[in-house]
Amino acid sequence: MLALVLKSLDEDKAEDVVSIDLAGKTPMADFMVVATGRSQRHVGAVADHLVRRLKEEGHGNARVEGMKQGDWVLIDGGDVVIHVFRPEVREFYKLEKMWSAHIPADQIAV
């Protein structure tokens, strides 16, 4: 599933994609992916395409929050949780910094 998520984000030109291995940090998911869209419209399109691709590939119906606003879209795919932000919102929340605080640098895929 992670490979599908990363491929989809790459195809839709998401920027600054970071994958964080959550093993041993939380039981909520195996990976967290954080990405940036250039605008509200781009964030929405990236998220919409990803949700459709997940469903087409048999990964069920992902839960989605924030699609209408387009500032921060959270996609809960079960094994992988994806956050797509506008640049300003991502900088404000700094999620990847919080979740990777105790992860060795060689375990963070960029």
C-alpha atoms as a PDB file:
ATOM      1  CA  MET A   1       0.000   0.000   0.000  1.00  0.00           C
ATOM      2  CA  LEU A   2       2.852   2.407   0.808  1.00  0.00           C
ATOM      3  CA  ALA A   3       4.276   1.993  -2.703  1.00  0.00           C
ATOM      4  CA  LEU A   4       0.889   2.846  -4.221  1.00  0.00           C
ATOM      5  CA  VAL A   5       0.584   5.954  -2.052  1.00  0.00           C
ATOM      6  CA  LEU A   6       4.075   7.187  -2.931  1.00  0.00           C
ATOM      7  CA  LYS A   7       3.549   6.506  -6.643  1.00  0.00           C
ATOM      8  CA  SER A   8       0.223   8.360  -6.647  1.00  0.00           C
ATOM      9  CA  LEU A   9       1.717  11.379  -4.881  1.00  0.00           C
ATOM     10  CA  ASP A  10       4.625  11.424  -7.319  1.00  0.00           C
ATOM     11  CA  GLU A  11       2.350  11.189 -10.365  1.00  0.00           C
ATOM     12  CA  ASP A  12       0.261  14.096  -9.096  1.00  0.00           C
ATOM     13  CA  LYS A  13       3.350  16.239  -8.437  1.00  0.00           C
ATOM     14  CA  ALA A  14       2.989  16.417  -4.651  1.00  0.00           C
ATOM     15  CA  GLU A  15       6.036  18.117  -3.167  1.00  0.00           C
ATOM     16  CA  ASP A  16       8.339  17.305  -0.240  1.00  0.00           C
ATOM     17  CA  VAL A  17       6.943  13.811   0.279  1.00  0.00           C
ATOM     18  CA  VAL A  18       8.153  12.213   3.517  1.00  0.00           C
ATOM     19  CA  SER A  19       7.403   8.649   4.619  1.00  0.00           C
ATOM     20  CA  ILE A  20       7.728   7.868   8.330  1.00  0.00           C
ATOM     21  CA  ASP A  21       7.893   4.308   9.651  1.00  0.00           C
ATOM     22  CA  LEU A  22       5.623   4.190  12.707  1.00  0.00           C
ATOM     23  CA  ALA A  23       6.644   0.713  13.872  1.00  0.00           C
ATOM     24  CA  GLY A  24       7.073   0.781  17.632  1.00  0.00           C
ATOM     25  CA  LYS A  25       5.644   4.309  17.900  1.00  0.00           C
ATOM     26  CA  THR A  26       1.911   3.705  17.587  1.00  0.00           C
ATOM     27  CA  PRO A  27      -0.508   0.883  16.743  1.00  0.00           C
ATOM     28  CA  MET A  28      -2.667   3.215  14.599  1.00  0.00           C
ATOM     29  CA  ALA A  29      -0.751   2.598  11.341  1.00  0.00           C
ATOM     30  CA  ASP A  30       2.456   1.185   9.897  1.00  0.00           C
ATOM     31  CA  PHE A  31       3.451   4.347   8.033  1.00  0.00           C
ATOM     32  CA  MET A  32       2.632   8.026   7.899  1.00  0.00           C
ATOM     33  CA  VAL A  33       3.156   9.965   4.686  1.00  0.00           C
ATOM     34  CA  VAL A  34       3.289  13.756   4.656  1.00  0.00           C
ATOM     35  CA  ALA A  35       3.144  15.716   1.399  1.00  0.00           C
ATOM     36  CA  THR A  36       2.601  19.262   0.189  1.00  0.00           C
ATOM     37  CA  GLY A  37       0.345  20.605  -2.541  1.00  0.00           C
ATOM     38  CA  ARG A  38       0.962  23.984  -4.148  1.00  0.00           C
ATOM     39  CA  SER A  39      -2.547  25.352  -3.545  1.00  0.00           C
ATOM     40  CA  GLN A  40      -5.940  24.390  -2.117  1.00  0.00           C
ATOM     41  CA  ARG A  41      -6.975  23.076  -5.509  1.00  0.00           C
ATOM     42  CA  HIS A  42      -3.788  21.020  -5.872  1.00  0.00           C
ATOM     43  CA  VAL A  43      -4.140  19.582  -2.338  1.00  0.00           C
ATOM     44  CA  GLY A  44      -7.728  18.559  -3.110  1.00  0.00           C
ATOM     45  CA  ALA A  45      -6.839  17.006  -6.460  1.00  0.00           C
ATOM     46  CA  VAL A  46      -3.882  15.056  -5.048  1.00  0.00           C
ATOM     47  CA  ALA A  47      -6.042  13.730  -2.201  1.00  0.00           C
ATOM     48  CA  ASP A  48      -8.989  12.899  -4.453  1.00  0.00           C
ATOM     49  CA  HIS A  49      -6.821  10.989  -6.925  1.00  0.00           C
ATOM     50  CA  LEU A  50      -5.145   9.080  -4.103  1.00  0.00           C
ATOM     51  CA  VAL A  51      -8.458   8.052  -2.528  1.00  0.00           C
ATOM     52  CA  ARG A  52      -9.733   6.828  -5.901  1.00  0.00           C
ATOM     53  CA  ARG A  53      -6.536   4.866  -6.587  1.00  0.00           C
ATOM     54  CA  LEU A  54      -6.659   3.216  -3.164  1.00  0.00           C
ATOM     55  CA  LYS A  55     -10.233   2.111  -3.792  1.00  0.00           C
ATOM     56  CA  GLU A  56      -9.439   0.884  -7.336  1.00  0.00           C
ATOM     57  CA  GLU A  57      -6.546  -1.205  -6.001  1.00  0.00           C
ATOM     58  CA  GLY A  58      -8.775  -2.908  -3.432  1.00  0.00           C
ATOM     59  CA  HIS A  59      -7.721  -1.039  -0.300  1.00  0.00           C
ATOM     60  CA  GLY A  60     -11.299  -0.313   0.730  1.00  0.00           C
ATOM     61  CA  ASN A  61     -12.855   3.016   1.476  1.00  0.00           C
ATOM     62  CA  ALA A  62     -10.327   5.303   3.121  1.00  0.00           C
ATOM     63  CA  ARG A  63     -11.666   7.784   5.643  1.00  0.00           C
ATOM     64  CA  VAL A  64     -11.049  11.359   4.562  1.00  0.00           C
ATOM     65  CA  GLU A  65     -11.155  14.663   6.452  1.00  0.00           C
ATOM     66  CA  GLY A  66     -10.608  18.200   5.161  1.00  0.00           C
ATOM     67  CA  MET A  67     -11.264  17.660   1.453  1.00  0.00           C
ATOM     68  CA  LYS A  68     -13.638  20.635   1.121  1.00  0.00           C
ATOM     69  CA  GLN A  69     -11.278  23.137   2.766  1.00  0.00           C
ATOM     70  CA  GLY A  70      -8.169  21.989   0.908  1.00  0.00           C
ATOM     71  CA  ASP A  71      -5.700  23.258   3.511  1.00  0.00           C
ATOM     72  CA  TRP A  72      -4.957  19.889   5.133  1.00  0.00           C
ATOM     73  CA  VAL A  73      -6.442  16.635   3.930  1.00  0.00           C
ATOM     74  CA  LEU A  74      -6.094  13.571   6.145  1.00  0.00           C
ATOM     75  CA  ILE A  75      -6.543  10.190   4.478  1.00  0.00           C
ATOM     76  CA  ASP A  76      -6.733   7.192   6.795  1.00  0.00           C
ATOM     77  CA  GLY A  77      -5.980   4.169   4.660  1.00  0.00           C
ATOM     78  CA  GLY A  78      -5.573   1.850   7.634  1.00  0.00           C
ATOM     79  CA  ASP A  79      -1.967   0.706   7.272  1.00  0.00           C
ATOM     80  CA  VAL A  80      -0.906   4.095   5.909  1.00  0.00           C
ATOM     81  CA  VAL A  81      -2.077   7.508   7.094  1.00  0.00           C
ATOM     82  CA  ILE A  82      -1.536  10.307   4.590  1.00  0.00           C
ATOM     83  CA  HIS A  83      -1.483  14.057   5.228  1.00  0.00           C
ATOM     84  CA  VAL A  84      -1.555  16.456   2.269  1.00  0.00           C
ATOM     85  CA  PHE A  85      -0.974  20.082   3.241  1.00  0.00           C
ATOM     86  CA  ARG A  86      -0.741  23.520   1.748  1.00  0.00           C
ATOM     87  CA  PRO A  87       2.835  24.750   2.431  1.00  0.00           C
ATOM     88  CA  GLU A  88       1.896  27.251   5.147  1.00  0.00           C
ATOM     89  CA  VAL A  89      -0.227  24.753   7.044  1.00  0.00           C
ATOM     90  CA  ARG A  90       2.467  22.069   6.894  1.00  0.00           C
ATOM     91  CA  GLU A  91       5.046  24.504   8.225  1.00  0.00           C
ATOM     92  CA  PHE A  92       2.747  25.493  11.078  1.00  0.00           C
ATOM     93  CA  TYR A  93       1.980  21.943  12.290  1.00  0.00           C
ATOM     94  CA  LYS A  94       5.357  20.295  11.547  1.00  0.00           C
ATOM     95  CA  LEU A  95       3.888  16.800  11.842  1.00  0.00           C
ATOM     96  CA  GLU A  96       6.863  14.974  10.413  1.00  0.00           C
ATOM     97  CA  LYS A  97       9.166  16.633  12.945  1.00  0.00           C
ATOM     98  CA  MET A  98       6.944  15.528  15.806  1.00  0.00           C
ATOM     99  CA  TRP A  99       6.602  11.915  14.595  1.00  0.00           C
ATOM    100  CA  SER A 100      10.217  11.459  13.559  1.00  0.00           C
ATOM    101  CA  ALA A 101      11.763  13.026  16.665  1.00  0.00           C
ATOM    102  CA  HIS A 102      13.161   9.724  17.916  1.00  0.00           C
ATOM    103  CA  ILE A 103      13.563   7.928  14.613  1.00  0.00           C
ATOM    104  CA  PRO A 104      17.134   7.562  13.312  1.00  0.00           C
ATOM    105  CA  ALA A 105      17.690   9.562  10.143  1.00  0.00           C
ATOM    106  CA  ASP A 106      18.402   6.412   8.086  1.00  0.00           C
ATOM    107  CA  GLN A 107      14.848   5.166   8.743  1.00  0.00           C
ATOM    108  CA  ILE A 108      13.132   8.244   7.308  1.00  0.00           C
ATOM    109  CA  ALA A 109      12.444   7.917   3.576  1.00  0.00           C
ATOM    110  CA  VAL A 110      12.274  11.151   1.667  1.00  0.00           C
END
